[in-house]
């Protein structure tokens, strides 16, 4: 299995879970030119990121070409306990998709 693009730290405390997540992704806007050829670099960015806990959506982001390289997300939600597993689904502008998991500590 290929290593995922998401690096996640999730911690549960007092009935709430806080999540810090970074997506290792180039996030090309489609407006930048290649320095060698002068041609536009095609757009390539994360369009959607959905985080679920027990099939319940706890975070959803609809992104666009203006988001920077390796975007960072931080959020919290009610619920979750140490050992629970979150599922993270992402969709690129190219249509490529991925699913990754991370355990809450």
C-alpha atoms as a PDB file:
ATOM      1  CA  UNK A   1       0.000   0.000   0.000  1.00  0.00           C
ATOM      2  CA  UNK A   2       1.316   3.446  -0.919  1.00  0.00           C
ATOM      3  CA  UNK A   3       1.950   5.935   1.811  1.00  0.00           C
ATOM      4  CA  UNK A   4      -0.855   8.475   2.122  1.00  0.00           C
ATOM      5  CA  UNK A   5      -0.710  12.205   1.589  1.00  0.00           C
ATOM      6  CA  UNK A   6      -2.190  13.091   4.995  1.00  0.00           C
ATOM      7  CA  UNK A   7      -0.264  13.456   8.251  1.00  0.00           C
ATOM      8  CA  UNK A   8      -2.702  13.478  11.164  1.00  0.00           C
ATOM      9  CA  UNK A   9      -2.509  14.016  14.922  1.00  0.00           C
ATOM     10  CA  UNK A  10      -5.811  13.543  16.752  1.00  0.00           C
ATOM     11  CA  UNK A  11      -6.249  13.681  20.524  1.00  0.00           C
ATOM     12  CA  UNK A  12      -9.368  13.103  22.607  1.00  0.00           C
ATOM     13  CA  UNK A  13      -9.894  14.922  25.900  1.00  0.00           C
ATOM     14  CA  UNK A  14     -13.019  15.680  27.919  1.00  0.00           C
ATOM     15  CA  UNK A  15     -15.444  14.382  25.293  1.00  0.00           C
ATOM     16  CA  UNK A  16     -13.914  16.448  22.480  1.00  0.00           C
ATOM     17  CA  UNK A  17     -11.372  15.513  19.835  1.00  0.00           C
ATOM     18  CA  UNK A  18      -8.882  17.980  18.406  1.00  0.00           C
ATOM     19  CA  UNK A  19      -7.303  17.225  15.052  1.00  0.00           C
ATOM     20  CA  UNK A  20      -4.257  18.687  13.320  1.00  0.00           C
ATOM     21  CA  UNK A  21      -3.745  17.590   9.740  1.00  0.00           C
ATOM     22  CA  UNK A  22      -1.356  18.424   6.916  1.00  0.00           C
ATOM     23  CA  UNK A  23      -1.818  17.285   3.334  1.00  0.00           C
ATOM     24  CA  UNK A  24       1.418  16.745   1.435  1.00  0.00           C
ATOM     25  CA  UNK A  25       0.264  18.021  -1.949  1.00  0.00           C
ATOM     26  CA  UNK A  26       1.656  20.408  -4.607  1.00  0.00           C
ATOM     27  CA  UNK A  27      -1.631  22.296  -5.062  1.00  0.00           C
ATOM     28  CA  UNK A  28      -0.908  23.779  -8.511  1.00  0.00           C
ATOM     29  CA  UNK A  29      -3.330  26.547  -9.490  1.00  0.00           C
ATOM     30  CA  UNK A  30      -2.977  26.174 -13.256  1.00  0.00           C
ATOM     31  CA  UNK A  31      -1.783  29.784 -13.553  1.00  0.00           C
ATOM     32  CA  UNK A  32       1.938  29.309 -12.930  1.00  0.00           C
ATOM     33  CA  UNK A  33       4.396  28.888 -15.816  1.00  0.00           C
ATOM     34  CA  UNK A  34       7.186  26.324 -16.050  1.00  0.00           C
ATOM     35  CA  UNK A  35      10.496  28.220 -15.772  1.00  0.00           C
ATOM     36  CA  UNK A  36      12.165  26.130 -18.504  1.00  0.00           C
ATOM     37  CA  UNK A  37       9.415  25.860 -21.124  1.00  0.00           C
ATOM     38  CA  UNK A  38       7.282  28.916 -20.370  1.00  0.00           C
ATOM     39  CA  UNK A  39       4.147  26.753 -20.622  1.00  0.00           C
ATOM     40  CA  UNK A  40       1.408  26.784 -17.999  1.00  0.00           C
ATOM     41  CA  UNK A  41       1.647  24.051 -15.376  1.00  0.00           C
ATOM     42  CA  UNK A  42      -1.712  22.210 -15.361  1.00  0.00           C
ATOM     43  CA  UNK A  43      -3.999  22.697 -12.352  1.00  0.00           C
ATOM     44  CA  UNK A  44      -3.648  19.974  -9.720  1.00  0.00           C
ATOM     45  CA  UNK A  45      -5.218  20.588  -6.327  1.00  0.00           C
ATOM     46  CA  UNK A  46      -7.310  18.916  -3.661  1.00  0.00           C
ATOM     47  CA  UNK A  47     -10.968  19.704  -4.277  1.00  0.00           C
ATOM     48  CA  UNK A  48     -12.604  17.926  -1.366  1.00  0.00           C
ATOM     49  CA  UNK A  49     -11.483  16.585   1.995  1.00  0.00           C
ATOM     50  CA  UNK A  50     -13.977  14.723   4.195  1.00  0.00           C
ATOM     51  CA  UNK A  51     -13.220  13.359   7.675  1.00  0.00           C
ATOM     52  CA  UNK A  52     -15.598  10.819   9.242  1.00  0.00           C
ATOM     53  CA  UNK A  53     -15.830   9.114  12.590  1.00  0.00           C
ATOM     54  CA  UNK A  54     -18.097   6.040  12.648  1.00  0.00           C
ATOM     55  CA  UNK A  55     -19.593   7.055   9.263  1.00  0.00           C
ATOM     56  CA  UNK A  56     -20.521  10.518  10.618  1.00  0.00           C
ATOM     57  CA  UNK A  57     -18.941  13.511   8.862  1.00  0.00           C
ATOM     58  CA  UNK A  58     -17.034  15.593  11.429  1.00  0.00           C
ATOM     59  CA  UNK A  59     -15.157  17.858   8.974  1.00  0.00           C
ATOM     60  CA  UNK A  60     -15.560  18.740   5.305  1.00  0.00           C
ATOM     61  CA  UNK A  61     -13.546  21.173   3.202  1.00  0.00           C
ATOM     62  CA  UNK A  62     -14.202  22.217  -0.386  1.00  0.00           C
ATOM     63  CA  UNK A  63     -10.917  23.577  -1.660  1.00  0.00           C
ATOM     64  CA  UNK A  64      -9.808  25.408  -4.788  1.00  0.00           C
ATOM     65  CA  UNK A  65      -6.697  26.409  -6.710  1.00  0.00           C
ATOM     66  CA  UNK A  66      -5.903  29.322  -4.362  1.00  0.00           C
ATOM     67  CA  UNK A  67      -4.980  27.023  -1.446  1.00  0.00           C
ATOM     68  CA  UNK A  68      -1.233  26.862  -0.769  1.00  0.00           C
ATOM     69  CA  UNK A  69       1.091  23.886  -1.170  1.00  0.00           C
ATOM     70  CA  UNK A  70       0.922  21.352   1.702  1.00  0.00           C
ATOM     71  CA  UNK A  71      -2.221  22.829   3.315  1.00  0.00           C
ATOM     72  CA  UNK A  72      -2.672  22.584   7.090  1.00  0.00           C
ATOM     73  CA  UNK A  73      -6.036  22.046   8.775  1.00  0.00           C
ATOM     74  CA  UNK A  74      -6.946  22.192  12.469  1.00  0.00           C
ATOM     75  CA  UNK A  75     -10.409  21.471  13.823  1.00  0.00           C
ATOM     76  CA  UNK A  76     -12.199  19.891  16.757  1.00  0.00           C
ATOM     77  CA  UNK A  77     -15.445  18.021  17.208  1.00  0.00           C
ATOM     78  CA  UNK A  78     -17.577  16.535  19.981  1.00  0.00           C
ATOM     79  CA  UNK A  79     -17.083  12.833  20.554  1.00  0.00           C
ATOM     80  CA  UNK A  80     -14.357  10.410  19.724  1.00  0.00           C
ATOM     81  CA  UNK A  81     -12.289   8.393  22.158  1.00  0.00           C
ATOM     82  CA  UNK A  82      -8.757   7.093  22.316  1.00  0.00           C
ATOM     83  CA  UNK A  83      -8.411   4.215  19.856  1.00  0.00           C
ATOM     84  CA  UNK A  84     -11.305   5.270  17.600  1.00  0.00           C
ATOM     85  CA  UNK A  85     -10.385   5.433  13.931  1.00  0.00           C
ATOM     86  CA  UNK A  86     -11.182   8.363  11.656  1.00  0.00           C
ATOM     87  CA  UNK A  87     -11.568   7.908   7.910  1.00  0.00           C
ATOM     88  CA  UNK A  88     -10.385  10.666   5.582  1.00  0.00           C
ATOM     89  CA  UNK A  89     -11.480  10.775   1.938  1.00  0.00           C
ATOM     90  CA  UNK A  90      -9.979  13.214  -0.562  1.00  0.00           C
ATOM     91  CA  UNK A  91     -10.629  14.064  -4.198  1.00  0.00           C
ATOM     92  CA  UNK A  92      -8.177  15.835  -6.525  1.00  0.00           C
ATOM     93  CA  UNK A  93      -9.097  18.183  -9.354  1.00  0.00           C
ATOM     94  CA  UNK A  94      -7.994  15.394 -11.741  1.00  0.00           C
ATOM     95  CA  UNK A  95     -10.611  13.024 -10.326  1.00  0.00           C
ATOM     96  CA  UNK A  96      -8.068  10.932  -8.437  1.00  0.00           C
ATOM     97  CA  UNK A  97      -9.362   9.849  -5.017  1.00  0.00           C
ATOM     98  CA  UNK A  98      -7.914   8.406  -1.854  1.00  0.00           C
ATOM     99  CA  UNK A  99      -8.978   7.111   1.523  1.00  0.00           C
ATOM    100  CA  UNK A 100      -6.785   7.112   4.603  1.00  0.00           C
ATOM    101  CA  UNK A 101      -7.318   6.327   8.273  1.00  0.00           C
ATOM    102  CA  UNK A 102      -5.888   7.670  11.530  1.00  0.00           C
ATOM    103  CA  UNK A 103      -6.418   6.625  15.132  1.00  0.00           C
ATOM    104  CA  UNK A 104      -7.360   9.046  17.884  1.00  0.00           C
ATOM    105  CA  UNK A 105      -4.959   9.081  20.838  1.00  0.00           C
END
